Amino acid sequence: MSMANVRPLRPQSLAEVVDLAMEKQQVDSGRALARRSEELDLALSYTVINNLRRNQYLHRFTEEKRERLAKLAGVPRRVVDELAGIRSLAPFKLPERATELTGDQRKAVLAVVNAFIEANEAVEQAQADADMVIAAYRPDQPPGTTTDDQP
């Protein structure tokens, strides 16, 4: 076997992870991988897949999407996380003295945390909706670009 045809042991980009997924799932296009991902209950849209293949993924690459891509490609999730620039965060823990908070103070802390989580989910949904609109009206134009950006 020629050394030119040897694949690195570890993917070097998200595009390579997508290529591995396509190879493992025995498909030859982003749309085919999207269909296969649906069949396996690991749904990823073809726009996400194709943007990853072009290293042009512009929006938040969620934990769920990273997990699904890792499973499709047969690589550890931490590899996909690292390639996506996601650092492993330590589990979220309150300081020991948080036990001294009153019931009302604890409710306030939880309300703030929940507000951040809901805001992140709303932003993620708005970005996904925008991607779908762009794909529906301009399938030849990558999400996040304008007609002014095109050559």
Protein backbone atom coordinates (compact mmCIF):
# COMPACT_ATOMS: atom_id res chain seq x y z
CA MET A 1 0.00 0.00 0.00
CA SER A 2 1.35 3.41 -0.94
CA MET A 3 2.06 5.80 1.93
CA ALA A 4 0.08 8.45 0.03
CA ASN A 5 -3.09 6.39 0.58
CA VAL A 6 -2.57 5.89 4.31
CA ARG A 7 -5.09 7.81 6.42
CA PRO A 8 -3.73 9.41 9.62
CA LEU A 9 -4.65 7.49 12.76
CA ARG A 10 -6.51 10.51 14.08
CA PRO A 11 -8.57 12.87 11.91
CA GLN A 12 -6.97 16.30 11.59
CA SER A 13 -10.16 18.27 10.83
CA LEU A 14 -13.92 18.04 11.09
CA ALA A 15 -13.94 17.55 7.31
CA GLU A 16 -11.87 14.38 7.80
CA VAL A 17 -14.32 13.19 10.46
CA VAL A 18 -17.17 13.65 7.95
CA ASP A 19 -15.13 11.73 5.36
CA LEU A 20 -14.66 8.91 7.89
CA ALA A 21 -18.40 8.91 8.60
CA MET A 22 -19.17 8.70 4.89
CA GLU A 23 -16.70 5.84 4.50
CA LYS A 24 -18.02 3.97 7.54
CA GLN A 25 -21.65 4.47 6.50
CA GLN A 26 -20.81 3.58 2.88
CA VAL A 27 -22.27 6.71 1.33
CA ASP A 28 -20.82 9.14 -1.18
CA SER A 29 -22.44 12.50 -0.47
CA GLY A 30 -23.51 14.81 2.32
CA ARG A 31 -27.17 14.25 1.49
CA ALA A 32 -26.71 10.47 1.57
CA LEU A 33 -24.98 10.72 4.96
CA ALA A 34 -27.84 12.92 6.22
CA ARG A 35 -30.36 10.27 5.11
CA ARG A 36 -28.29 7.51 6.72
CA SER A 37 -28.00 9.53 9.93
CA GLU A 38 -31.81 9.80 10.06
CA GLU A 39 -32.13 6.02 9.63
CA LEU A 40 -29.78 5.50 12.58
CA ASP A 41 -31.56 8.06 14.81
CA LEU A 42 -28.45 10.25 14.64
CA ALA A 43 -29.95 12.96 12.46
CA LEU A 44 -27.62 15.60 11.06
CA SER A 45 -28.82 17.89 8.28
CA TYR A 46 -27.04 17.83 4.94
CA THR A 47 -26.28 21.54 5.33
CA VAL A 48 -24.41 20.88 8.58
CA ILE A 49 -22.58 17.94 6.99
CA ASN A 50 -21.62 19.84 3.84
CA ASN A 51 -20.50 22.90 5.80
CA LEU A 52 -18.32 20.67 7.97
CA ARG A 53 -16.85 19.09 4.82
CA ARG A 54 -15.87 22.57 3.61
CA ASN A 55 -14.63 23.56 7.09
CA GLN A 56 -17.23 26.34 6.97
CA TYR A 57 -19.40 25.44 9.92
CA LEU A 58 -20.37 28.90 11.08
CA HIS A 59 -22.68 28.34 14.02
CA ARG A 60 -22.55 26.70 17.37
CA PHE A 61 -21.70 23.02 16.91
CA THR A 62 -23.82 21.60 19.73
CA GLU A 63 -22.88 18.75 22.02
CA GLU A 64 -25.67 16.65 20.50
CA LYS A 65 -24.41 17.23 16.94
CA ARG A 66 -20.83 16.47 17.96
CA GLU A 67 -21.95 13.23 19.60
CA ARG A 68 -23.93 12.19 16.52
CA LEU A 69 -21.03 12.90 14.15
CA ALA A 70 -18.64 10.95 16.38
CA LYS A 71 -20.97 7.93 16.36
CA LEU A 72 -21.44 8.09 12.59
CA ALA A 73 -17.66 8.23 12.07
CA GLY A 74 -16.80 5.71 14.77
CA VAL A 75 -14.43 8.07 16.57
CA PRO A 76 -14.39 9.13 20.22
CA ARG A 77 -16.48 12.19 20.95
CA ARG A 78 -13.47 13.91 22.54
CA VAL A 79 -11.74 13.87 19.11
CA VAL A 80 -14.69 15.70 17.52
CA ASP A 81 -14.80 18.10 20.48
CA GLU A 82 -11.10 18.93 20.13
CA LEU A 83 -11.39 19.48 16.38
CA ALA A 84 -14.38 21.75 16.97
CA GLY A 85 -12.32 23.79 19.43
CA ILE A 86 -14.34 22.65 22.42
CA ARG A 87 -12.38 22.37 25.61
CA SER A 88 -13.56 19.83 28.11
CA LEU A 89 -15.10 21.77 30.92
CA ALA A 90 -15.00 20.56 34.47
CA PRO A 91 -18.39 19.67 35.92
CA PHE A 92 -20.24 22.76 37.11
CA LYS A 93 -20.05 22.90 40.89
CA LEU A 94 -21.02 25.60 43.32
CA PRO A 95 -18.56 26.52 46.04
CA GLU A 96 -18.83 24.51 49.27
CA ARG A 97 -20.21 27.52 51.09
CA ALA A 98 -23.20 27.57 48.74
CA THR A 99 -24.87 25.31 51.30
CA GLU A 100 -25.19 28.44 53.44
CA LEU A 101 -27.54 30.08 50.95
CA THR A 102 -31.16 30.47 51.93
CA GLY A 103 -33.93 28.77 49.99
CA ASP A 104 -34.75 32.01 48.15
CA GLN A 105 -31.09 32.59 47.27
CA ARG A 106 -30.81 29.03 45.91
CA LYS A 107 -33.90 29.60 43.77
CA ALA A 108 -32.35 32.81 42.43
CA VAL A 109 -29.08 31.02 41.50
CA LEU A 110 -31.02 28.27 39.71
CA ALA A 111 -33.16 30.86 37.91
CA VAL A 112 -30.04 32.59 36.56
CA VAL A 113 -28.51 29.29 35.41
CA ASN A 114 -31.78 28.28 33.72
CA ALA A 115 -32.03 31.68 32.02
CA PHE A 116 -28.55 31.20 30.49
CA ILE A 117 -29.46 27.70 29.31
CA GLU A 118 -32.73 28.90 27.74
CA ALA A 119 -30.96 31.82 26.05
CA ASN A 120 -28.33 29.48 24.56
CA GLU A 121 -31.07 27.16 23.27
CA ALA A 122 -32.97 30.09 21.73
CA VAL A 123 -29.85 31.32 19.91
CA GLU A 124 -29.11 27.80 18.68
CA GLN A 125 -32.66 27.38 17.38
CA ALA A 126 -32.59 30.77 15.64
CA GLN A 127 -29.30 29.83 13.94
CA ALA A 128 -30.71 26.47 12.82
CA ASP A 129 -33.85 28.20 11.49
CA ALA A 130 -31.72 30.71 9.58
CA ASP A 131 -29.69 27.85 8.04
CA MET A 132 -32.90 26.16 6.88
CA VAL A 133 -34.23 29.37 5.31
CA ILE A 134 -30.95 29.99 3.50
CA ALA A 135 -30.82 26.38 2.29
CA ALA A 136 -34.42 26.61 1.05
CA TYR A 137 -33.98 29.84 -0.88
CA ARG A 138 -30.34 29.69 -1.86
CA PRO A 139 -29.19 26.04 -1.90
CA ASP A 140 -26.06 27.08 -3.83
CA GLN A 141 -25.05 29.65 -1.21
CA PRO A 142 -23.37 28.56 2.05
CA PRO A 143 -25.17 29.70 5.22
CA GLY A 144 -23.70 32.85 6.74
CA THR A 145 -22.82 34.47 3.39
CA THR A 146 -24.60 37.08 1.32
CA THR A 147 -24.84 37.48 -2.41
CA ASP A 148 -22.23 40.26 -1.99
CA ASP A 149 -19.78 37.63 -0.68
CA GLN A 150 -20.04 35.54 -3.84
CA PRO A 151 -17.40 36.04 -6.57
